[in-house]
PDB file of N, CA and C in Angstrom:
ATOM      1  N   UNK A   1       0.805  -1.217   0.005  1.00  0.00           N
ATOM      2  CA  UNK A   1      -0.004   0.011  -0.014  1.00  0.00           C
ATOM      3  C   UNK A   1       0.866   1.257   0.005  1.00  0.00           C
ATOM      4  N   UNK A   2       1.987   1.221   0.732  1.00  0.00           N
ATOM      5  CA  UNK A   2       2.853   2.375   0.786  1.00  0.00           C
ATOM      6  C   UNK A   2       3.475   2.686  -0.579  1.00  0.00           C
ATOM      7  N   UNK A   3       3.706   1.652  -1.395  1.00  0.00           N
ATOM      8  CA  UNK A   3       4.282   1.856  -2.710  1.00  0.00           C
ATOM      9  C   UNK A   3       3.350   2.691  -3.599  1.00  0.00           C
ATOM     10  N   UNK A   4       2.063   2.489  -3.416  1.00  0.00           N
ATOM     11  CA  UNK A   4       1.078   3.261  -4.192  1.00  0.00           C
ATOM     12  C   UNK A   4       1.174   4.731  -3.830  1.00  0.00           C
ATOM     13  N   UNK A   5       1.318   5.044  -2.545  1.00  0.00           N
ATOM     14  CA  UNK A   5       1.460   6.415  -2.151  1.00  0.00           C
ATOM     15  C   UNK A   5       2.719   7.061  -2.698  1.00  0.00           C
ATOM     16  N   UNK A   6       3.824   6.329  -2.670  1.00  0.00           N
ATOM     17  CA  UNK A   6       5.063   6.808  -3.205  1.00  0.00           C
ATOM     18  C   UNK A   6       4.954   7.108  -4.701  1.00  0.00           C
ATOM     19  N   UNK A   7       4.354   6.173  -5.436  1.00  0.00           N
ATOM     20  CA  UNK A   7       4.139   6.394  -6.868  1.00  0.00           C
ATOM     21  C   UNK A   7       3.272   7.590  -7.129  1.00  0.00           C
ATOM     22  N   UNK A   8       2.205   7.708  -6.328  1.00  0.00           N
ATOM     23  CA  UNK A   8       1.293   8.848  -6.501  1.00  0.00           C
ATOM     24  C   UNK A   8       2.018  10.174  -6.258  1.00  0.00           C
ATOM     25  N   UNK A   9       2.855  10.222  -5.202  1.00  0.00           N
ATOM     26  CA  UNK A   9       3.590  11.448  -4.910  1.00  0.00           C
ATOM     27  C   UNK A   9       4.588  11.766  -5.995  1.00  0.00           C
ATOM     28  N   UNK A  10       5.228  10.768  -6.548  1.00  0.00           N
ATOM     29  CA  UNK A  10       6.199  10.976  -7.624  1.00  0.00           C
ATOM     30  C   UNK A  10       5.492  11.478  -8.886  1.00  0.00           C
ATOM     31  N   UNK A  11       4.320  10.931  -9.216  1.00  0.00           N
ATOM     32  CA  UNK A  11       3.564  11.373 -10.391  1.00  0.00           C
ATOM     33  C   UNK A  11       3.115  12.828 -10.179  1.00  0.00           C
ATOM     34  N   UNK A  12       2.574  13.143  -9.016  1.00  0.00           N
ATOM     35  CA  UNK A  12       2.120  14.506  -8.748  1.00  0.00           C
ATOM     36  C   UNK A  12       3.283  15.501  -8.815  1.00  0.00           C
ATOM     37  N   UNK A  13       4.406  15.113  -8.244  1.00  0.00           N
ATOM     38  CA  UNK A  13       5.589  15.990  -8.281  1.00  0.00           C
ATOM     39  C   UNK A  13       6.054  16.226  -9.699  1.00  0.00           C
ATOM     40  N   UNK A  14       6.044  15.151 -10.520  1.00  0.00           N
ATOM     41  CA  UNK A  14       6.473  15.291 -11.913  1.00  0.00           C
ATOM     42  C   UNK A  14       5.522  16.218 -12.691  1.00  0.00           C
ATOM     43  N   UNK A  15       4.204  16.081 -12.459  1.00  0.00           N
ATOM     44  CA  UNK A  15       3.253  16.961 -13.104  1.00  0.00           C
ATOM     45  C   UNK A  15       3.398  18.412 -12.680  1.00  0.00           C
ATOM     46  N   UNK A  16       3.669  18.625 -11.421  1.00  0.00           N
ATOM     47  CA  UNK A  16       3.879  19.990 -10.938  1.00  0.00           C
ATOM     48  C   UNK A  16       5.150  20.599 -11.536  1.00  0.00           C
ATOM     49  N   UNK A  17       6.231  19.837 -11.611  1.00  0.00           N
ATOM     50  CA  UNK A  17       7.455  20.339 -12.222  1.00  0.00           C
ATOM     51  C   UNK A  17       7.269  20.651 -13.688  1.00  0.00           C
ATOM     52  N   UNK A  18       6.538  19.780 -14.384  1.00  0.00           N
ATOM     53  CA  UNK A  18       6.256  20.036 -15.815  1.00  0.00           C
ATOM     54  C   UNK A  18       5.448  21.301 -15.995  1.00  0.00           C
ATOM     55  N   UNK A  19       4.407  21.493 -15.146  1.00  0.00           N
ATOM     56  CA  UNK A  19       3.598  22.680 -15.206  1.00  0.00           C
ATOM     57  C   UNK A  19       4.388  23.912 -14.893  1.00  0.00           C
ATOM     58  N   UNK A  20       5.282  23.822 -13.910  1.00  0.00           N
ATOM     59  CA  UNK A  20       6.131  25.004 -13.585  1.00  0.00           C
ATOM     60  C   UNK A  20       7.063  25.292 -14.723  1.00  0.00           C
ATOM     61  N   UNK A  21       7.615  24.302 -15.387  1.00  0.00           N
ATOM     62  CA  UNK A  21       8.487  24.491 -16.522  1.00  0.00           C
ATOM     63  C   UNK A  21       7.757  25.212 -17.647  1.00  0.00           C
ATOM     64  N   UNK A  22       6.538  24.803 -17.944  1.00  0.00           N
ATOM     65  CA  UNK A  22       5.743  25.407 -18.994  1.00  0.00           C
ATOM     66  C   UNK A  22       5.409  26.863 -18.635  1.00  0.00           C
ATOM     67  N   UNK A  23       5.096  27.121 -17.353  1.00  0.00           N
ATOM     68  CA  UNK A  23       4.789  28.499 -16.935  1.00  0.00           C
ATOM     69  C   UNK A  23       6.003  29.390 -17.100  1.00  0.00           C
ATOM     70  N   UNK A  24       7.149  28.922 -16.701  1.00  0.00           N
ATOM     71  CA  UNK A  24       8.394  29.717 -16.817  1.00  0.00           C
ATOM     72  C   UNK A  24       8.714  29.991 -18.279  1.00  0.00           C
ATOM     73  N   UNK A  25       8.542  29.005 -19.152  1.00  0.00           N
ATOM     74  CA  UNK A  25       8.757  29.207 -20.601  1.00  0.00           C
ATOM     75  C   UNK A  25       7.802  30.262 -21.151  1.00  0.00           C
ATOM     76  N   UNK A  26       6.546  30.200 -20.766  1.00  0.00           N
ATOM     77  CA  UNK A  26       5.527  31.121 -21.212  1.00  0.00           C
ATOM     78  C   UNK A  26       5.866  32.548 -20.774  1.00  0.00           C
ATOM     79  N   UNK A  27       6.269  32.719 -19.510  1.00  0.00           N
ATOM     80  CA  UNK A  27       6.626  34.025 -18.990  1.00  0.00           C
ATOM     81  C   UNK A  27       7.838  34.575 -19.706  1.00  0.00           C
ATOM     82  N   UNK A  28       8.837  33.731 -19.955  1.00  0.00           N
ATOM     83  CA  UNK A  28      10.031  34.140 -20.716  1.00  0.00           C
ATOM     84  C   UNK A  28       9.664  34.626 -22.095  1.00  0.00           C
ATOM     85  N   UNK A  29       8.752  33.891 -22.774  1.00  0.00           N
ATOM     86  CA  UNK A  29       8.318  34.246 -24.111  1.00  0.00           C
ATOM     87  C   UNK A  29       7.589  35.623 -24.112  1.00  0.00           C
ATOM     88  N   UNK A  30       6.805  35.865 -23.050  1.00  0.00           N
ATOM     89  CA  UNK A  30       6.146  37.167 -22.948  1.00  0.00           C
ATOM     90  C   UNK A  30       7.153  38.322 -22.814  1.00  0.00           C
ATOM     91  N   UNK A  31       8.202  38.130 -22.036  1.00  0.00           N
ATOM     92  CA  UNK A  31       9.195  39.153 -21.886  1.00  0.00           C
ATOM     93  C   UNK A  31       9.946  39.390 -23.207  1.00  0.00           C
ATOM     94  N   UNK A  32      10.216  38.312 -23.927  1.00  0.00           N
ATOM     95  CA  UNK A  32      10.872  38.431 -25.234  1.00  0.00           C
ATOM     96  C   UNK A  32      10.014  39.227 -26.201  1.00  0.00           C
ATOM     97  N   UNK A  33       8.710  38.900 -26.250  1.00  0.00           N
ATOM     98  CA  UNK A  33       7.799  39.604 -27.136  1.00  0.00           C
ATOM     99  C   UNK A  33       7.685  41.073 -26.796  1.00  0.00           C
ATOM    100  N   UNK A  34       7.638  41.419 -25.527  1.00  0.00           N
ATOM    101  CA  UNK A  34       7.547  42.841 -25.103  1.00  0.00           C
ATOM    102  C   UNK A  34       8.830  43.559 -25.507  1.00  0.00           C
ATOM    103  N   UNK A  35       9.992  42.945 -25.291  1.00  0.00           N
ATOM    104  CA  UNK A  35      11.259  43.553 -25.660  1.00  0.00           C
ATOM    105  C   UNK A  35      11.331  43.789 -27.160  1.00  0.00           C
ATOM    106  N   UNK A  36      10.986  42.792 -27.953  1.00  0.00           N
ATOM    107  CA  UNK A  36      11.054  42.937 -29.414  1.00  0.00           C
ATOM    108  C   UNK A  36      10.070  43.984 -29.920  1.00  0.00           C
ATOM    109  N   UNK A  37       8.849  44.013 -29.317  1.00  0.00           N
ATOM    110  CA  UNK A  37       7.896  44.984 -29.795  1.00  0.00           C
ATOM    111  C   UNK A  37       8.353  46.415 -29.463  1.00  0.00           C
ATOM    112  N   UNK A  38       9.106  46.593 -28.400  1.00  0.00           N
ATOM    113  CA  UNK A  38       9.561  47.912 -28.001  1.00  0.00           C
ATOM    114  C   UNK A  38      10.844  48.326 -28.732  1.00  0.00           C
ATOM    115  N   UNK A  39      11.828  47.404 -28.850  1.00  0.00           N
ATOM    116  CA  UNK A  39      13.124  47.772 -29.370  1.00  0.00           C
ATOM    117  C   UNK A  39      13.446  47.097 -30.681  1.00  0.00           C
ATOM    118  N   UNK A  40      12.533  46.316 -31.235  1.00  0.00           N
ATOM    119  CA  UNK A  40      12.806  45.573 -32.468  1.00  0.00           C
ATOM    120  C   UNK A  40      12.908  46.436 -33.702  1.00  0.00           C
ATOM    121  N   UNK A  41      13.477  45.883 -34.736  1.00  0.00           N
ATOM    122  CA  UNK A  41      13.651  46.509 -36.024  1.00  0.00           C
ATOM    123  C   UNK A  41      12.715  45.789 -37.011  1.00  0.00           C
ATOM    124  N   UNK A  42      12.012  46.579 -37.796  1.00  0.00           N
ATOM    125  CA  UNK A  42      11.075  45.968 -38.754  1.00  0.00           C
ATOM    126  C   UNK A  42      11.770  45.472 -40.006  1.00  0.00           C
ATOM    127  N   UNK A  43      11.221  44.399 -40.600  1.00  0.00           N
ATOM    128  CA  UNK A  43      11.785  43.840 -41.798  1.00  0.00           C
ATOM    129  C   UNK A  43      10.700  43.132 -42.565  1.00  0.00           C
ATOM    130  N   UNK A  44      10.791  43.118 -43.893  1.00  0.00           N
ATOM    131  CA  UNK A  44       9.918  42.316 -44.719  1.00  0.00           C
ATOM    132  C   UNK A  44      10.354  40.873 -44.638  1.00  0.00           C
ATOM    133  N   UNK A  45       9.401  39.963 -44.576  1.00  0.00           N
ATOM    134  CA  UNK A  45       9.705  38.555 -44.444  1.00  0.00           C
ATOM    135  C   UNK A  45       8.915  37.710 -45.434  1.00  0.00           C
ATOM    136  N   UNK A  46       9.506  36.608 -45.879  1.00  0.00           N
ATOM    137  CA  UNK A  46       8.805  35.654 -46.708  1.00  0.00           C
ATOM    138  C   UNK A  46       8.359  34.494 -45.823  1.00  0.00           C
ATOM    139  N   UNK A  47       7.153  34.012 -46.075  1.00  0.00           N
ATOM    140  CA  UNK A  47       6.626  32.905 -45.350  1.00  0.00           C
ATOM    141  C   UNK A  47       7.073  31.609 -46.021  1.00  0.00           C
ATOM    142  N   UNK A  48       7.876  30.845 -45.313  1.00  0.00           N
ATOM    143  CA  UNK A  48       8.440  29.632 -45.850  1.00  0.00           C
ATOM    144  C   UNK A  48       7.460  28.478 -45.616  1.00  0.00           C
ATOM    145  N   UNK A  49       6.851  28.427 -44.488  1.00  0.00           N
ATOM    146  CA  UNK A  49       5.936  27.341 -44.167  1.00  0.00           C
ATOM    147  C   UNK A  49       4.902  27.760 -43.129  1.00  0.00           C
ATOM    148  N   UNK A  50       3.742  27.180 -43.204  1.00  0.00           N
ATOM    149  CA  UNK A  50       2.692  27.349 -42.190  1.00  0.00           C
ATOM    150  C   UNK A  50       2.364  25.950 -41.718  1.00  0.00           C
ATOM    151  N   UNK A  51       2.720  25.645 -40.464  1.00  0.00           N
ATOM    152  CA  UNK A  51       2.466  24.318 -39.914  1.00  0.00           C
ATOM    153  C   UNK A  51       1.383  24.406 -38.863  1.00  0.00           C
ATOM    154  N   UNK A  52       0.321  23.693 -39.098  1.00  0.00           N
ATOM    155  CA  UNK A  52      -0.781  23.624 -38.123  1.00  0.00           C
ATOM    156  C   UNK A  52      -0.436  22.635 -37.023  1.00  0.00           C
ATOM    157  N   UNK A  53      -0.787  23.017 -35.806  1.00  0.00           N
ATOM    158  CA  UNK A  53      -0.636  22.091 -34.699  1.00  0.00           C
ATOM    159  C   UNK A  53      -1.994  21.438 -34.399  1.00  0.00           C
ATOM    160  N   UNK A  54      -2.040  20.571 -33.432  1.00  0.00           N
ATOM    161  CA  UNK A  54      -3.296  19.965 -33.025  1.00  0.00           C
ATOM    162  C   UNK A  54      -4.059  20.759 -32.013  1.00  0.00           C
ATOM    163  N   UNK A  55      -3.502  21.890 -31.619  1.00  0.00           N
ATOM    164  CA  UNK A  55      -4.156  22.736 -30.623  1.00  0.00           C
ATOM    165  C   UNK A  55      -5.134  23.666 -31.356  1.00  0.00           C
ATOM    166  N   UNK A  56      -6.382  23.586 -31.010  1.00  0.00           N
ATOM    167  CA  UNK A  56      -7.409  24.400 -31.668  1.00  0.00           C
ATOM    168  C   UNK A  56      -8.261  25.084 -30.610  1.00  0.00           C
ATOM    169  N   UNK A  57      -8.634  26.299 -30.945  1.00  0.00           N
ATOM    170  CA  UNK A  57      -9.579  27.025 -30.124  1.00  0.00           C
ATOM    171  C   UNK A  57     -10.936  26.873 -30.785  1.00  0.00           C
ATOM    172  N   UNK A  58     -11.839  27.698 -30.392  1.00  0.00           N
ATOM    173  CA  UNK A  58     -13.180  27.631 -30.986  1.00  0.00           C
ATOM    174  C   UNK A  58     -13.178  28.062 -32.438  1.00  0.00           C
ATOM    175  N   UNK A  59     -12.462  29.112 -32.734  1.00  0.00           N
ATOM    176  CA  UNK A  59     -12.423  29.671 -34.111  1.00  0.00           C
ATOM    177  C   UNK A  59     -10.982  29.782 -34.605  1.00  0.00           C
ATOM    178  N   UNK A  60      -9.999  29.361 -33.880  1.00  0.00           N
ATOM    179  CA  UNK A  60      -8.630  29.529 -34.273  1.00  0.00           C
ATOM    180  C   UNK A  60      -7.857  28.206 -34.216  1.00  0.00           C
ATOM    181  N   UNK A  61      -6.753  28.188 -34.934  1.00  0.00           N
ATOM    182  CA  UNK A  61      -5.850  27.080 -34.902  1.00  0.00           C
ATOM    183  C   UNK A  61      -4.467  27.614 -34.490  1.00  0.00           C
ATOM    184  N   UNK A  62      -3.801  26.931 -33.607  1.00  0.00           N
ATOM    185  CA  UNK A  62      -2.454  27.341 -33.185  1.00  0.00           C
ATOM    186  C   UNK A  62      -1.477  26.844 -34.252  1.00  0.00           C
ATOM    187  N   UNK A  63      -0.795  27.781 -34.879  1.00  0.00           N
ATOM    188  CA  UNK A  63       0.064  27.453 -36.019  1.00  0.00           C
ATOM    189  C   UNK A  63       1.474  27.956 -35.787  1.00  0.00           C
ATOM    190  N   UNK A  64       2.465  27.285 -36.440  1.00  0.00           N
ATOM    191  CA  UNK A  64       3.807  27.752 -36.460  1.00  0.00           C
ATOM    192  C   UNK A  64       4.101  28.336 -37.825  1.00  0.00           C
ATOM    193  N   UNK A  65       4.518  29.574 -37.854  1.00  0.00           N
ATOM    194  CA  UNK A  65       4.941  30.205 -39.101  1.00  0.00           C
ATOM    195  C   UNK A  65       6.438  30.199 -39.181  1.00  0.00           C
ATOM    196  N   UNK A  66       6.975  29.674 -40.260  1.00  0.00           N
ATOM    197  CA  UNK A  66       8.408  29.716 -40.500  1.00  0.00           C
ATOM    198  C   UNK A  66       8.674  30.829 -41.471  1.00  0.00           C
ATOM    199  N   UNK A  67       9.461  31.806 -41.055  1.00  0.00           N
ATOM    200  CA  UNK A  67       9.707  33.033 -41.825  1.00  0.00           C
ATOM    201  C   UNK A  67      11.193  33.214 -42.148  1.00  0.00           C
ATOM    202  N   UNK A  68      11.462  33.822 -43.310  1.00  0.00           N
ATOM    203  CA  UNK A  68      12.831  34.161 -43.686  1.00  0.00           C
ATOM    204  C   UNK A  68      12.861  35.636 -43.986  1.00  0.00           C
ATOM    205  N   UNK A  69      13.861  36.331 -43.406  1.00  0.00           N
ATOM    206  CA  UNK A  69      14.008  37.749 -43.626  1.00  0.00           C
ATOM    207  C   UNK A  69      15.487  38.126 -43.597  1.00  0.00           C
ATOM    208  N   UNK A  70      15.761  39.338 -44.039  1.00  0.00           N
ATOM    209  CA  UNK A  70      17.136  39.813 -44.068  1.00  0.00           C
ATOM    210  C   UNK A  70      17.262  40.980 -43.060  1.00  0.00           C
ATOM    211  N   UNK A  71      18.256  40.921 -42.193  1.00  0.00           N
ATOM    212  CA  UNK A  71      18.496  41.987 -41.218  1.00  0.00           C
ATOM    213  C   UNK A  71      19.147  43.196 -41.906  1.00  0.00           C
ATOM    214  N   UNK A  72      19.272  44.302 -41.169  1.00  0.00           N
ATOM    215  CA  UNK A  72      19.893  45.500 -41.715  1.00  0.00           C
ATOM    216  C   UNK A  72      21.372  45.226 -42.092  1.00  0.00           C
ATOM    217  N   UNK A  73      21.987  44.315 -41.413  1.00  0.00           N
ATOM    218  CA  UNK A  73      23.374  43.984 -41.715  1.00  0.00           C
ATOM    219  C   UNK A  73      23.499  43.032 -42.886  1.00  0.00           C
ATOM    220  N   UNK A  74      22.392  42.601 -43.441  1.00  0.00           N
ATOM    221  CA  UNK A  74      22.425  41.730 -44.618  1.00  0.00           C
ATOM    222  C   UNK A  74      22.403  40.235 -44.263  1.00  0.00           C
ATOM    223  N   UNK A  75      22.288  39.879 -42.999  1.00  0.00           N
ATOM    224  CA  UNK A  75      22.228  38.502 -42.608  1.00  0.00           C
ATOM    225  C   UNK A  75      20.847  37.931 -42.906  1.00  0.00           C
ATOM    226  N   UNK A  76      20.809  36.776 -43.562  1.00  0.00           N
ATOM    227  CA  UNK A  76      19.538  36.097 -43.835  1.00  0.00           C
ATOM    228  C   UNK A  76      19.225  35.185 -42.632  1.00  0.00           C
ATOM    229  N   UNK A  77      18.039  35.391 -42.065  1.00  0.00           N
ATOM    230  CA  UNK A  77      17.637  34.674 -40.862  1.00  0.00           C
ATOM    231  C   UNK A  77      16.338  33.931 -41.153  1.00  0.00           C
ATOM    232  N   UNK A  78      16.275  32.701 -40.673  1.00  0.00           N
ATOM    233  CA  UNK A  78      15.042  31.920 -40.702  1.00  0.00           C
ATOM    234  C   UNK A  78      14.610  31.660 -39.270  1.00  0.00           C
ATOM    235  N   UNK A  79      13.424  32.083 -38.930  1.00  0.00           N
ATOM    236  CA  UNK A  79      12.933  31.966 -37.571  1.00  0.00           C
ATOM    237  C   UNK A  79      11.450  31.544 -37.580  1.00  0.00           C
ATOM    238  N   UNK A  80      10.991  31.051 -36.406  1.00  0.00           N
ATOM    239  CA  UNK A  80       9.605  30.621 -36.294  1.00  0.00           C
ATOM    240  C   UNK A  80       8.881  31.466 -35.267  1.00  0.00           C
ATOM    241  N   UNK A  81       7.599  31.585 -35.471  1.00  0.00           N
ATOM    242  CA  UNK A  81       6.753  32.265 -34.532  1.00  0.00           C
ATOM    243  C   UNK A  81       5.422  31.459 -34.440  1.00  0.00           C
ATOM    244  N   UNK A  82       4.888  31.313 -33.235  1.00  0.00           N
ATOM    245  CA  UNK A  82       3.646  30.593 -33.017  1.00  0.00           C
ATOM    246  C   UNK A  82       2.517  31.597 -32.818  1.00  0.00           C
ATOM    247  N   UNK A  83       1.397  31.367 -33.517  1.00  0.00           N
ATOM    248  CA  UNK A  83       0.269  32.282 -33.475  1.00  0.00           C
ATOM    249  C   UNK A  83      -1.051  31.499 -33.552  1.00  0.00           C
ATOM    250  N   UNK A  84      -2.075  32.074 -32.925  1.00  0.00           N
ATOM    251  CA  UNK A  84      -3.416  31.570 -33.116  1.00  0.00           C
ATOM    252  C   UNK A  84      -4.000  32.262 -34.344  1.00  0.00           C
ATOM    253  N   UNK A  85      -4.361  31.503 -35.384  1.00  0.00           N
ATOM    254  CA  UNK A  85      -4.866  32.051 -36.606  1.00  0.00           C
ATOM    255  C   UNK A  85      -6.287  31.600 -36.902  1.00  0.00           C
ATOM    256  N   UNK A  86      -7.126  32.490 -37.415  1.00  0.00           N
ATOM    257  CA  UNK A  86      -8.442  32.076 -37.856  1.00  0.00           C
ATOM    258  C   UNK A  86      -8.364  31.726 -39.338  1.00  0.00           C
ATOM    259  N   UNK A  87      -9.477  31.378 -39.942  1.00  0.00           N
ATOM    260  CA  UNK A  87      -9.474  30.919 -41.373  1.00  0.00           C
ATOM    261  C   UNK A  87      -8.928  31.989 -42.302  1.00  0.00           C
ATOM    262  N   UNK A  88      -9.338  33.209 -42.113  1.00  0.00           N
ATOM    263  CA  UNK A  88      -8.891  34.304 -42.980  1.00  0.00           C
ATOM    264  C   UNK A  88      -7.373  34.522 -42.855  1.00  0.00           C
ATOM    265  N   UNK A  89      -6.862  34.462 -41.635  1.00  0.00           N
ATOM    266  CA  UNK A  89      -5.473  34.664 -41.414  1.00  0.00           C
ATOM    267  C   UNK A  89      -4.629  33.488 -41.963  1.00  0.00           C
ATOM    268  N   UNK A  90      -5.189  32.280 -41.923  1.00  0.00           N
ATOM    269  CA  UNK A  90      -4.475  31.145 -42.480  1.00  0.00           C
ATOM    270  C   UNK A  90      -4.248  31.353 -43.988  1.00  0.00           C
ATOM    271  N   UNK A  91      -5.240  31.902 -44.666  1.00  0.00           N
ATOM    272  CA  UNK A  91      -5.086  32.184 -46.083  1.00  0.00           C
ATOM    273  C   UNK A  91      -4.046  33.288 -46.302  1.00  0.00           C
ATOM    274  N   UNK A  92      -4.124  34.335 -45.458  1.00  0.00           N
ATOM    275  CA  UNK A  92      -3.223  35.472 -45.567  1.00  0.00           C
ATOM    276  C   UNK A  92      -1.764  35.099 -45.304  1.00  0.00           C
ATOM    277  N   UNK A  93      -1.580  34.184 -44.359  1.00  0.00           N
ATOM    278  CA  UNK A  93      -0.209  33.741 -44.007  1.00  0.00           C
ATOM    279  C   UNK A  93       0.176  32.439 -44.668  1.00  0.00           C
ATOM    280  N   UNK A  94      -0.370  32.183 -45.847  1.00  0.00           N
ATOM    281  CA  UNK A  94      -0.036  30.918 -46.545  1.00  0.00           C
ATOM    282  C   UNK A  94       1.391  30.955 -47.027  1.00  0.00           C
ATOM    283  N   UNK A  95       1.911  29.774 -47.216  1.00  0.00           N
ATOM    284  CA  UNK A  95       3.287  29.606 -47.718  1.00  0.00           C
ATOM    285  C   UNK A  95       3.460  30.333 -49.038  1.00  0.00           C
ATOM    286  N   UNK A  96       4.547  31.074 -49.138  1.00  0.00           N
ATOM    287  CA  UNK A  96       4.826  31.828 -50.367  1.00  0.00           C
ATOM    288  C   UNK A  96       4.436  33.313 -50.274  1.00  0.00           C
ATOM    289  N   UNK A  97       3.549  33.648 -49.332  1.00  0.00           N
ATOM    290  CA  UNK A  97       3.178  35.043 -49.154  1.00  0.00           C
ATOM    291  C   UNK A  97       4.227  35.788 -48.362  1.00  0.00           C
ATOM    292  N   UNK A  98       4.079  37.090 -48.245  1.00  0.00           N
ATOM    293  CA  UNK A  98       5.007  37.893 -47.481  1.00  0.00           C
ATOM    294  C   UNK A  98       4.301  38.559 -46.321  1.00  0.00           C
ATOM    295  N   UNK A  99       5.030  38.978 -45.358  1.00  0.00           N
ATOM    296  CA  UNK A  99       4.515  39.732 -44.208  1.00  0.00           C
ATOM    297  C   UNK A  99       5.646  40.575 -43.652  1.00  0.00           C
ATOM    298  N   UNK A 100       5.383  41.255 -42.574  1.00  0.00           N
ATOM    299  CA  UNK A 100       6.428  42.042 -41.908  1.00  0.00           C
ATOM    300  C   UNK A 100       6.620  41.527 -40.505  1.00  0.00           C
ATOM    301  N   UNK A 101       7.848  41.592 -40.011  1.00  0.00           N
ATOM    302  CA  UNK A 101       8.191  41.177 -38.680  1.00  0.00           C
ATOM    303  C   UNK A 101       9.012  42.234 -37.993  1.00  0.00           C
ATOM    304  N   UNK A 102       9.118  42.134 -36.692  1.00  0.00           N
ATOM    305  CA  UNK A 102      10.097  42.881 -35.918  1.00  0.00           C
ATOM    306  C   UNK A 102      11.026  41.857 -35.331  1.00  0.00           C
ATOM    307  N   UNK A 103      12.318  42.194 -35.357  1.00  0.00           N
ATOM    308  CA  UNK A 103      13.317  41.252 -34.779  1.00  0.00           C
ATOM    309  C   UNK A 103      14.209  42.004 -33.795  1.00  0.00           C
ATOM    310  N   UNK A 104      14.783  41.251 -32.897  1.00  0.00           N
ATOM    311  CA  UNK A 104      15.717  41.796 -31.892  1.00  0.00           C
ATOM    312  C   UNK A 104      17.089  41.898 -32.543  1.00  0.00           C
ATOM    313  N   UNK A 105      17.691  43.082 -32.620  1.00  0.00           N
ATOM    314  CA  UNK A 105      18.988  43.230 -33.275  1.00  0.00           C
ATOM    315  C   UNK A 105      20.076  42.403 -32.650  1.00  0.00           C
ATOM    316  N   UNK A 106      20.039  42.132 -31.317  1.00  0.00           N
ATOM    317  CA  UNK A 106      21.052  41.305 -30.671  1.00  0.00           C
ATOM    318  C   UNK A 106      20.812  39.819 -30.904  1.00  0.00           C
ATOM    319  N   UNK A 107      19.536  39.417 -31.119  1.00  0.00           N
ATOM    320  CA  UNK A 107      19.263  37.999 -31.356  1.00  0.00           C
ATOM    321  C   UNK A 107      18.121  37.942 -32.391  1.00  0.00           C
ATOM    322  N   UNK A 108      18.451  37.931 -33.677  1.00  0.00           N
ATOM    323  CA  UNK A 108      17.449  37.996 -34.743  1.00  0.00           C
ATOM    324  C   UNK A 108      16.518  36.811 -34.778  1.00  0.00           C
ATOM    325  N   UNK A 109      16.787  35.739 -34.038  1.00  0.00           N
ATOM    326  CA  UNK A 109      15.857  34.637 -33.950  1.00  0.00           C
ATOM    327  C   UNK A 109      14.585  34.995 -33.155  1.00  0.00           C
ATOM    328  N   UNK A 110      14.675  36.013 -32.312  1.00  0.00           N
ATOM    329  CA  UNK A 110      13.527  36.474 -31.544  1.00  0.00           C
ATOM    330  C   UNK A 110      12.746  37.444 -32.420  1.00  0.00           C
ATOM    331  N   UNK A 111      11.567  37.031 -32.872  1.00  0.00           N
ATOM    332  CA  UNK A 111      10.748  37.847 -33.751  1.00  0.00           C
ATOM    333  C   UNK A 111       9.296  37.866 -33.280  1.00  0.00           C
ATOM    334  N   UNK A 112       8.581  38.886 -33.767  1.00  0.00           N
ATOM    335  CA  UNK A 112       7.149  38.954 -33.624  1.00  0.00           C
ATOM    336  C   UNK A 112       6.559  39.368 -34.958  1.00  0.00           C
ATOM    337  N   UNK A 113       5.330  39.038 -35.194  1.00  0.00           N
ATOM    338  CA  UNK A 113       4.655  39.535 -36.402  1.00  0.00           C
ATOM    339  C   UNK A 113       4.332  40.978 -36.209  1.00  0.00           C
ATOM    340  N   UNK A 114       4.485  41.752 -37.286  1.00  0.00           N
ATOM    341  CA  UNK A 114       4.291  43.191 -37.249  1.00  0.00           C
ATOM    342  C   UNK A 114       3.282  43.472 -38.383  1.00  0.00           C
ATOM    343  N   UNK A 115       2.047  43.704 -38.029  1.00  0.00           N
ATOM    344  CA  UNK A 115       0.960  43.737 -38.994  1.00  0.00           C
ATOM    345  C   UNK A 115       0.919  44.977 -39.910  1.00  0.00           C
ATOM    346  N   UNK A 116       1.605  46.051 -39.496  1.00  0.00           N
ATOM    347  CA  UNK A 116       1.539  47.248 -40.296  1.00  0.00           C
ATOM    348  C   UNK A 116       2.351  47.117 -41.573  1.00  0.00           C
ATOM    349  N   UNK A 117       1.926  47.725 -42.676  1.00  0.00           N
ATOM    350  CA  UNK A 117       2.744  47.681 -43.888  1.00  0.00           C
ATOM    351  C   UNK A 117       4.092  48.374 -43.636  1.00  0.00           C
ATOM    352  N   UNK A 118       5.114  47.822 -44.219  1.00  0.00           N
ATOM    353  CA  UNK A 118       6.487  48.349 -43.996  1.00  0.00           C
ATOM    354  C   UNK A 118       7.091  48.671 -45.361  1.00  0.00           C
ATOM    355  N   UNK A 119       7.504  49.929 -45.551  1.00  0.00           N
ATOM    356  CA  UNK A 119       8.134  50.321 -46.771  1.00  0.00           C
ATOM    357  C   UNK A 119       9.554  50.698 -46.429  1.00  0.00           C
ATOM    358  N   UNK A 120      10.515  49.947 -46.959  1.00  0.00           N
ATOM    359  CA  UNK A 120      11.889  50.183 -46.636  1.00  0.00           C
ATOM    360  C   UNK A 120      12.526  51.030 -47.746  1.00  0.00           C
ATOM    361  N   UNK A 121      13.155  52.129 -47.385  1.00  0.00           N
ATOM    362  CA  UNK A 121      13.819  52.974 -48.344  1.00  0.00           C
ATOM    363  C   UNK A 121      15.307  52.768 -48.371  1.00  0.00           C
ATOM    364  N   UNK A 122      15.978  53.486 -49.221  1.00  0.00           N
ATOM    365  CA  UNK A 122      17.487  53.340 -49.311  1.00  0.00           C
ATOM    366  C   UNK A 122      18.123  53.941 -48.095  1.00  0.00           C
TER     367      UNK A 122
END
């Protein structure tokens, strides 16, 4: 009987640690997004792939967008961003289309979608 209690405690502890890990990752991602939205540099990006996940909301699907863009320094970067997209947005962000992103100059892999049109001059 004691072995059942030990197994139960181990399972509960593992679930709590996993939940804590997910929470810390989520909070870290929020800080990254806030930093990039405040200090990021805009760039035009090509959509390389749109990967749907199995996570669905009532009207949205959680998708991974794989994007390729060029930094101001000329470095070509391929990065991913996860977003909840509805049907209209899935068509808009289809593979082969373009969009705009903001990236962190110190770490160009950290990006957010930037919905406003971006016109880059010389």
